Amino acid sequence: MRILALDVGTKTIGIAVSDELGIAAHGVTTIRRTESKRDLEALRKIIDDYKPSDILVGVPYNSDGRVGKRGEEILKFGEEIKETFSISVEFWDESFSTVSAEKMLLEADLSRRKRKKIIDKMAAVFILEGYLESKRQMSQPRADTDEEE
C-alpha cells in the first residue's frame, strides 16, 4: 500500500511517497509546473517508478472550512489525475502544511535558497504524515471508559 502525496501549487508540485507498509513518508521531488499535459507526463514517470496504490492530493481549505478558488483548481487537477491514470485519488486538508514545513526548515537553519528548493516536497511529506497518522489512529481499537463491570 504505497501512497503518493502531492502538494499542488501554482508553480510547483511537491511529491512525497510512503513506504510499502504506509508507516513513513519520504520526500521524492518537486515538479516545476508548465501546463497540465506536461505536469501529468512528469507525474506519470513518478507513478511508473513508485507504483502507488493511491494518490493523496492536498487541498487548502478556507478558515470557514470551505474550499476556495485555489482549492477548486486543485480538486479539478486531482480529477484529471484520476482519469488519466485510473488510480484512486483522495483529497486531504493541507492547511498549514507549507507553514509547518517552512518552520521545520528554519529550525534546521537552512538558507533561503535551500528552503525554496525543497519547501514543496517537505509540504507533501507533512500532508502524507498527517494522513498516515489519521489512518493509524482510526485502525487502533478505542479504549471504552464507560464499560460497566
N, C-alpha and C. Protein backbone atom coordinates (compact mmCIF):
# COMPACT_ATOMS: atom_id res chain seq x y z
N MET A 1 0.84 -1.18 0.00
CA MET A 1 0.00 0.00 0.00
C MET A 1 0.89 1.24 0.00
N ARG A 2 1.45 1.57 -1.10
CA ARG A 2 2.29 2.76 -1.22
C ARG A 2 1.40 3.92 -1.64
N ILE A 3 1.56 5.07 -0.98
CA ILE A 3 0.76 6.25 -1.27
C ILE A 3 1.68 7.36 -1.75
N LEU A 4 1.27 8.01 -2.82
CA LEU A 4 1.99 9.16 -3.36
C LEU A 4 1.20 10.40 -2.95
N ALA A 5 1.86 11.36 -2.31
CA ALA A 5 1.19 12.58 -1.87
C ALA A 5 1.68 13.77 -2.69
N LEU A 6 0.75 14.67 -3.01
CA LEU A 6 1.06 15.83 -3.82
C LEU A 6 0.68 17.12 -3.10
N ASP A 7 1.60 18.06 -3.08
CA ASP A 7 1.32 19.42 -2.64
C ASP A 7 1.30 20.25 -3.92
N VAL A 8 0.11 20.51 -4.44
CA VAL A 8 -0.04 21.15 -5.74
C VAL A 8 -0.09 22.67 -5.57
N GLY A 9 0.92 23.33 -6.11
CA GLY A 9 0.97 24.78 -6.09
C GLY A 9 0.77 25.33 -7.49
N THR A 10 0.84 26.63 -7.63
CA THR A 10 0.68 27.24 -8.95
C THR A 10 1.95 27.10 -9.78
N LYS A 11 3.12 27.04 -9.12
CA LYS A 11 4.39 26.96 -9.84
C LYS A 11 5.03 25.59 -9.75
N THR A 12 4.76 24.86 -8.68
CA THR A 12 5.40 23.55 -8.48
C THR A 12 4.42 22.55 -7.88
N ILE A 13 4.81 21.28 -7.96
CA ILE A 13 4.09 20.20 -7.28
C ILE A 13 5.12 19.47 -6.44
N GLY A 14 4.96 19.54 -5.13
CA GLY A 14 5.83 18.79 -4.22
C GLY A 14 5.32 17.36 -4.12
N ILE A 15 6.24 16.40 -4.09
CA ILE A 15 5.84 15.00 -4.10
C ILE A 15 6.53 14.24 -2.97
N ALA A 16 5.75 13.44 -2.26
CA ALA A 16 6.25 12.55 -1.22
C ALA A 16 5.64 11.18 -1.44
N VAL A 17 6.26 10.16 -0.88
CA VAL A 17 5.77 8.79 -1.02
C VAL A 17 5.90 8.09 0.32
N SER A 18 4.98 7.17 0.57
CA SER A 18 5.08 6.36 1.79
C SER A 18 5.86 5.09 1.48
N ASP A 19 6.31 4.44 2.53
CA ASP A 19 6.91 3.12 2.34
C ASP A 19 5.78 2.13 2.06
N GLU A 20 6.12 0.89 1.76
CA GLU A 20 5.11 -0.13 1.41
C GLU A 20 4.11 -0.38 2.52
N LEU A 21 4.54 -0.23 3.77
CA LEU A 21 3.65 -0.51 4.91
C LEU A 21 2.78 0.70 5.29
N GLY A 22 3.02 1.82 4.64
CA GLY A 22 2.23 3.01 4.96
C GLY A 22 2.57 3.58 6.32
N ILE A 23 3.83 3.47 6.72
CA ILE A 23 4.25 3.96 8.03
C ILE A 23 4.98 5.30 7.94
N ALA A 24 5.92 5.40 7.02
CA ALA A 24 6.76 6.59 6.93
C ALA A 24 6.57 7.31 5.60
N ALA A 25 6.77 8.62 5.64
CA ALA A 25 6.68 9.45 4.43
C ALA A 25 8.06 9.99 4.09
N HIS A 26 8.38 9.98 2.80
CA HIS A 26 9.68 10.45 2.34
C HIS A 26 9.47 11.41 1.18
N GLY A 27 10.20 12.51 1.19
CA GLY A 27 10.15 13.45 0.08
C GLY A 27 10.78 12.83 -1.16
N VAL A 28 10.17 13.06 -2.32
CA VAL A 28 10.67 12.49 -3.57
C VAL A 28 11.29 13.57 -4.44
N THR A 29 10.49 14.53 -4.86
CA THR A 29 10.97 15.55 -5.79
C THR A 29 9.97 16.68 -5.85
N THR A 30 10.29 17.65 -6.68
CA THR A 30 9.39 18.75 -6.98
C THR A 30 9.31 18.88 -8.50
N ILE A 31 8.09 18.94 -9.00
CA ILE A 31 7.86 19.14 -10.43
C ILE A 31 7.62 20.62 -10.66
N ARG A 32 8.34 21.21 -11.58
CA ARG A 32 8.10 22.60 -11.98
C ARG A 32 6.92 22.57 -12.95
N ARG A 33 5.85 23.28 -12.62
CA ARG A 33 4.64 23.26 -13.43
C ARG A 33 4.79 24.09 -14.69
N THR A 34 4.22 23.56 -15.77
CA THR A 34 4.19 24.31 -17.03
C THR A 34 2.76 24.35 -17.54
N GLU A 35 2.27 23.24 -18.03
CA GLU A 35 0.88 23.12 -18.46
C GLU A 35 0.38 21.76 -18.00
N SER A 36 -0.90 21.60 -17.91
CA SER A 36 -1.49 20.39 -17.35
C SER A 36 -0.96 19.11 -18.01
N LYS A 37 -0.89 19.10 -19.34
CA LYS A 37 -0.44 17.91 -20.07
C LYS A 37 0.99 17.53 -19.66
N ARG A 38 1.87 18.50 -19.60
CA ARG A 38 3.27 18.23 -19.22
C ARG A 38 3.38 17.88 -17.74
N ASP A 39 2.57 18.51 -16.91
CA ASP A 39 2.57 18.18 -15.49
C ASP A 39 2.18 16.71 -15.29
N LEU A 40 1.17 16.27 -16.03
CA LEU A 40 0.72 14.88 -15.93
C LEU A 40 1.78 13.91 -16.47
N GLU A 41 2.49 14.31 -17.51
CA GLU A 41 3.57 13.46 -18.05
C GLU A 41 4.68 13.29 -17.03
N ALA A 42 5.06 14.38 -16.37
CA ALA A 42 6.09 14.30 -15.33
C ALA A 42 5.61 13.42 -14.17
N LEU A 43 4.33 13.54 -13.85
CA LEU A 43 3.75 12.73 -12.79
C LEU A 43 3.71 11.26 -13.20
N ARG A 44 3.47 10.98 -14.48
CA ARG A 44 3.43 9.60 -14.98
C ARG A 44 4.76 8.88 -14.68
N LYS A 45 5.87 9.56 -14.89
CA LYS A 45 7.18 8.96 -14.64
C LYS A 45 7.33 8.56 -13.18
N ILE A 46 6.84 9.40 -12.30
CA ILE A 46 6.94 9.12 -10.87
C ILE A 46 6.01 7.98 -10.48
N ILE A 47 4.81 7.98 -11.04
CA ILE A 47 3.87 6.89 -10.78
C ILE A 47 4.44 5.57 -11.29
N ASP A 48 5.05 5.58 -12.47
CA ASP A 48 5.68 4.37 -13.00
C ASP A 48 6.81 3.87 -12.11
N ASP A 49 7.58 4.80 -11.55
CA ASP A 49 8.70 4.41 -10.68
C ASP A 49 8.23 3.84 -9.35
N TYR A 50 7.24 4.48 -8.72
CA TYR A 50 6.83 4.10 -7.36
C TYR A 50 5.61 3.19 -7.29
N LYS A 51 4.84 3.12 -8.36
CA LYS A 51 3.65 2.27 -8.44
C LYS A 51 2.75 2.37 -7.19
N PRO A 52 2.26 3.57 -6.90
CA PRO A 52 1.40 3.73 -5.72
C PRO A 52 0.03 3.10 -5.92
N SER A 53 -0.58 2.70 -4.80
CA SER A 53 -1.95 2.19 -4.87
C SER A 53 -2.95 3.36 -4.84
N ASP A 54 -2.52 4.48 -4.25
CA ASP A 54 -3.38 5.65 -4.12
C ASP A 54 -2.55 6.91 -4.28
N ILE A 55 -3.23 7.97 -4.67
CA ILE A 55 -2.61 9.29 -4.70
C ILE A 55 -3.40 10.19 -3.76
N LEU A 56 -2.66 10.90 -2.91
CA LEU A 56 -3.25 11.81 -1.95
C LEU A 56 -2.92 13.23 -2.41
N VAL A 57 -3.95 14.04 -2.58
CA VAL A 57 -3.76 15.41 -3.05
C VAL A 57 -4.17 16.37 -1.94
N GLY A 58 -3.23 17.23 -1.55
CA GLY A 58 -3.53 18.22 -0.52
C GLY A 58 -4.39 19.33 -1.08
N VAL A 59 -5.44 19.69 -0.34
CA VAL A 59 -6.35 20.75 -0.75
C VAL A 59 -6.42 21.80 0.37
N PRO A 60 -6.20 23.08 0.02
CA PRO A 60 -6.31 24.12 1.04
C PRO A 60 -7.77 24.48 1.29
N TYR A 61 -8.12 24.54 2.56
CA TYR A 61 -9.47 24.95 2.94
C TYR A 61 -9.41 26.34 3.54
N ASN A 62 -10.47 27.10 3.34
CA ASN A 62 -10.57 28.42 3.97
C ASN A 62 -10.80 28.23 5.46
N SER A 63 -10.67 29.31 6.21
CA SER A 63 -10.86 29.23 7.66
C SER A 63 -12.28 28.82 8.04
N ASP A 64 -13.24 29.02 7.14
CA ASP A 64 -14.62 28.61 7.42
C ASP A 64 -14.89 27.16 7.00
N GLY A 65 -13.84 26.46 6.56
CA GLY A 65 -13.98 25.05 6.21
C GLY A 65 -14.38 24.79 4.77
N ARG A 66 -14.60 25.84 4.00
CA ARG A 66 -14.98 25.66 2.60
C ARG A 66 -13.76 25.70 1.69
N VAL A 67 -13.92 25.12 0.52
CA VAL A 67 -12.86 25.12 -0.48
C VAL A 67 -12.96 26.41 -1.29
N GLY A 68 -11.86 27.13 -1.40
CA GLY A 68 -11.83 28.37 -2.16
C GLY A 68 -11.48 28.13 -3.62
N LYS A 69 -11.21 29.22 -4.32
CA LYS A 69 -10.90 29.15 -5.76
C LYS A 69 -9.68 28.27 -6.02
N ARG A 70 -8.61 28.48 -5.27
CA ARG A 70 -7.39 27.67 -5.46
C ARG A 70 -7.68 26.20 -5.17
N GLY A 71 -8.44 25.93 -4.13
CA GLY A 71 -8.82 24.56 -3.80
C GLY A 71 -9.62 23.90 -4.90
N GLU A 72 -10.51 24.66 -5.53
CA GLU A 72 -11.31 24.13 -6.64
C GLU A 72 -10.41 23.72 -7.81
N GLU A 73 -9.39 24.54 -8.09
CA GLU A 73 -8.44 24.21 -9.15
C GLU A 73 -7.68 22.91 -8.84
N ILE A 74 -7.32 22.75 -7.58
CA ILE A 74 -6.60 21.54 -7.16
C ILE A 74 -7.51 20.32 -7.24
N LEU A 75 -8.76 20.47 -6.84
CA LEU A 75 -9.72 19.35 -6.95
C LEU A 75 -9.86 18.93 -8.41
N LYS A 76 -9.93 19.90 -9.30
CA LYS A 76 -10.04 19.62 -10.73
C LYS A 76 -8.79 18.87 -11.22
N PHE A 77 -7.62 19.31 -10.80
CA PHE A 77 -6.38 18.64 -11.19
C PHE A 77 -6.36 17.21 -10.64
N GLY A 78 -6.85 17.01 -9.44
CA GLY A 78 -6.94 15.66 -8.86
C GLY A 78 -7.84 14.76 -9.69
N GLU A 79 -8.93 15.31 -10.19
CA GLU A 79 -9.83 14.53 -11.05
C GLU A 79 -9.15 14.18 -12.37
N GLU A 80 -8.34 15.11 -12.90
CA GLU A 80 -7.57 14.81 -14.11
C GLU A 80 -6.60 13.65 -13.86
N ILE A 81 -5.99 13.65 -12.70
CA ILE A 81 -5.05 12.56 -12.33
C ILE A 81 -5.80 11.24 -12.31
N LYS A 82 -6.96 11.24 -11.66
CA LYS A 82 -7.77 10.03 -11.54
C LYS A 82 -8.14 9.48 -12.92
N GLU A 83 -8.59 10.37 -13.82
CA GLU A 83 -8.99 9.95 -15.16
C GLU A 83 -7.81 9.50 -16.00
N THR A 84 -6.70 10.21 -15.92
CA THR A 84 -5.53 9.91 -16.74
C THR A 84 -4.87 8.59 -16.36
N PHE A 85 -4.77 8.33 -15.05
CA PHE A 85 -4.01 7.17 -14.59
C PHE A 85 -4.87 6.03 -14.05
N SER A 86 -6.18 6.21 -14.03
CA SER A 86 -7.09 5.20 -13.48
C SER A 86 -6.59 4.72 -12.12
N ILE A 87 -6.35 5.66 -11.24
CA ILE A 87 -5.84 5.36 -9.91
C ILE A 87 -6.71 6.08 -8.89
N SER A 88 -6.84 5.51 -7.71
CA SER A 88 -7.62 6.12 -6.65
C SER A 88 -6.95 7.42 -6.20
N VAL A 89 -7.74 8.49 -6.13
CA VAL A 89 -7.24 9.79 -5.67
C VAL A 89 -8.07 10.20 -4.46
N GLU A 90 -7.38 10.53 -3.39
CA GLU A 90 -8.04 11.04 -2.19
C GLU A 90 -7.58 12.46 -1.97
N PHE A 91 -8.43 13.25 -1.35
CA PHE A 91 -8.09 14.63 -1.06
C PHE A 91 -7.94 14.79 0.45
N TRP A 92 -6.99 15.63 0.86
CA TRP A 92 -6.66 15.79 2.27
C TRP A 92 -6.44 17.26 2.58
N ASP A 93 -6.91 17.70 3.71
CA ASP A 93 -6.74 19.09 4.12
C ASP A 93 -5.26 19.38 4.31
N GLU A 94 -4.72 20.24 3.48
CA GLU A 94 -3.30 20.54 3.55
C GLU A 94 -3.03 21.86 4.24
N SER A 95 -4.03 22.40 4.90
CA SER A 95 -3.86 23.67 5.59
C SER A 95 -2.66 23.60 6.53
N PHE A 96 -1.83 24.58 6.45
CA PHE A 96 -0.65 24.75 7.30
C PHE A 96 0.51 23.81 6.98
N SER A 97 0.39 22.96 5.94
CA SER A 97 1.50 22.05 5.63
C SER A 97 2.74 22.83 5.20
N THR A 98 2.55 23.85 4.37
CA THR A 98 3.69 24.65 3.92
C THR A 98 4.26 25.46 5.08
N VAL A 99 3.39 25.98 5.93
CA VAL A 99 3.84 26.74 7.10
C VAL A 99 4.65 25.83 8.02
N SER A 100 4.16 24.61 8.26
CA SER A 100 4.88 23.65 9.10
C SER A 100 6.23 23.29 8.50
N ALA A 101 6.24 23.07 7.19
CA ALA A 101 7.50 22.73 6.51
C ALA A 101 8.49 23.89 6.61
N GLU A 102 8.01 25.10 6.40
CA GLU A 102 8.87 26.28 6.49
C GLU A 102 9.46 26.42 7.89
N LYS A 103 8.63 26.21 8.89
CA LYS A 103 9.10 26.30 10.29
C LYS A 103 10.18 25.27 10.56
N MET A 104 9.97 24.03 10.11
CA MET A 104 10.94 22.98 10.33
C MET A 104 12.26 23.31 9.63
N LEU A 105 12.18 23.81 8.40
CA LEU A 105 13.39 24.13 7.65
C LEU A 105 14.12 25.33 8.25
N LEU A 106 13.39 26.28 8.81
CA LEU A 106 14.02 27.40 9.50
C LEU A 106 14.75 26.91 10.75
N GLU A 107 14.10 26.00 11.48
CA GLU A 107 14.73 25.43 12.68
C GLU A 107 15.99 24.64 12.32
N ALA A 108 16.01 24.07 11.11
CA ALA A 108 17.19 23.33 10.65
C ALA A 108 18.25 24.30 10.13
N ASP A 109 17.95 25.60 10.17
CA ASP A 109 18.90 26.65 9.78
C ASP A 109 19.35 26.54 8.33
N LEU A 110 18.41 26.17 7.44
CA LEU A 110 18.74 26.12 6.02
C LEU A 110 18.64 27.52 5.42
N SER A 111 19.47 27.80 4.46
CA SER A 111 19.44 29.10 3.78
C SER A 111 18.13 29.24 3.02
N ARG A 112 17.77 30.47 2.73
CA ARG A 112 16.53 30.73 1.98
C ARG A 112 16.55 30.00 0.64
N ARG A 113 17.70 29.99 -0.03
CA ARG A 113 17.82 29.32 -1.33
C ARG A 113 17.55 27.83 -1.22
N LYS A 114 18.11 27.19 -0.19
CA LYS A 114 17.90 25.75 0.00
C LYS A 114 16.46 25.46 0.40
N ARG A 115 15.89 26.32 1.25
CA ARG A 115 14.49 26.14 1.67
C ARG A 115 13.58 26.21 0.46
N LYS A 116 13.82 27.17 -0.41
CA LYS A 116 12.98 27.36 -1.60
C LYS A 116 12.98 26.11 -2.48
N LYS A 117 14.12 25.43 -2.56
CA LYS A 117 14.24 24.24 -3.41
C LYS A 117 13.44 23.06 -2.88
N ILE A 118 13.28 22.96 -1.56
CA ILE A 118 12.67 21.74 -1.00
C ILE A 118 11.37 21.97 -0.25
N ILE A 119 10.92 23.21 -0.14
CA ILE A 119 9.73 23.51 0.67
C ILE A 119 8.50 22.73 0.20
N ASP A 120 8.27 22.64 -1.09
CA ASP A 120 7.06 21.97 -1.60
C ASP A 120 7.12 20.46 -1.38
N LYS A 121 8.31 19.90 -1.53
CA LYS A 121 8.49 18.47 -1.27
C LYS A 121 8.24 18.18 0.21
N MET A 122 8.74 19.05 1.09
CA MET A 122 8.53 18.86 2.53
C MET A 122 7.07 19.07 2.91
N ALA A 123 6.38 19.98 2.24
CA ALA A 123 4.96 20.18 2.49
C ALA A 123 4.19 18.90 2.14
N ALA A 124 4.59 18.24 1.04
CA ALA A 124 3.96 16.97 0.66
C ALA A 124 4.22 15.91 1.72
N VAL A 125 5.40 15.93 2.32
CA VAL A 125 5.71 14.99 3.40
C VAL A 125 4.77 15.25 4.58
N PHE A 126 4.57 16.52 4.95
CA PHE A 126 3.67 16.84 6.05
C PHE A 126 2.24 16.41 5.76
N ILE A 127 1.78 16.61 4.53
CA ILE A 127 0.44 16.17 4.14
C ILE A 127 0.32 14.66 4.32
N LEU A 128 1.29 13.92 3.81
CA LEU A 128 1.26 12.46 3.88
C LEU A 128 1.38 11.97 5.32
N GLU A 129 2.23 12.59 6.11
CA GLU A 129 2.36 12.18 7.52
C GLU A 129 1.05 12.37 8.27
N GLY A 130 0.36 13.48 8.03
CA GLY A 130 -0.93 13.72 8.67
C GLY A 130 -1.96 12.66 8.28
N TYR A 131 -1.97 12.32 7.02
CA TYR A 131 -2.89 11.30 6.52
C TYR A 131 -2.58 9.94 7.13
N LEU A 132 -1.31 9.55 7.13
CA LEU A 132 -0.90 8.24 7.67
C LEU A 132 -1.21 8.15 9.16
N GLU A 133 -0.97 9.23 9.89
CA GLU A 133 -1.25 9.26 11.32
C GLU A 133 -2.76 9.10 11.56
N SER A 134 -3.57 9.75 10.75
CA SER A 134 -5.01 9.63 10.88
C SER A 134 -5.48 8.20 10.63
N LYS A 135 -4.87 7.54 9.64
CA LYS A 135 -5.21 6.13 9.34
C LYS A 135 -4.82 5.23 10.50
N ARG A 136 -3.65 5.50 11.10
CA ARG A 136 -3.20 4.68 12.26
C ARG A 136 -4.17 4.84 13.42
N GLN A 137 -4.58 6.07 13.68
CA GLN A 137 -5.50 6.32 14.79
C GLN A 137 -6.85 5.66 14.56
N MET A 138 -7.28 5.64 13.31
CA MET A 138 -8.57 5.01 13.00
C MET A 138 -8.51 3.50 13.15
N SER A 139 -7.35 2.92 12.94
CA SER A 139 -7.24 1.46 12.99
C SER A 139 -6.96 0.93 14.39
N GLN A 140 -6.62 1.82 15.34
CA GLN A 140 -6.37 1.38 16.71
C GLN A 140 -7.68 1.21 17.45
N PRO A 141 -7.78 0.14 18.22
CA PRO A 141 -9.01 -0.05 19.00
C PRO A 141 -9.13 1.03 20.07
N ARG A 142 -10.35 1.53 20.23
CA ARG A 142 -10.59 2.55 21.25
C ARG A 142 -10.77 1.91 22.60
N ALA A 143 -10.22 2.52 23.60
CA ALA A 143 -10.46 2.05 24.97
C ALA A 143 -11.78 2.62 25.42
N ASP A 144 -12.71 1.76 25.77
CA ASP A 144 -14.04 2.20 26.17
C ASP A 144 -14.02 2.43 27.69
N THR A 145 -14.11 3.68 28.09
CA THR A 145 -14.03 4.01 29.51
C THR A 145 -15.38 3.94 30.20
N ASP A 146 -16.46 3.82 29.46
CA ASP A 146 -17.80 3.77 30.06
C ASP A 146 -18.26 2.33 30.31
N GLU A 147 -17.38 1.38 30.15
CA GLU A 147 -17.77 -0.02 30.27
C GLU A 147 -18.11 -0.38 31.71
N GLU A 148 -19.24 -1.04 31.90
CA GLU A 148 -19.63 -1.48 33.25
C GLU A 148 -19.00 -2.81 33.55
N GLU A 149 -18.68 -3.00 34.86
CA GLU A 149 -18.06 -4.28 35.26
C GLU A 149 -19.08 -5.21 35.84
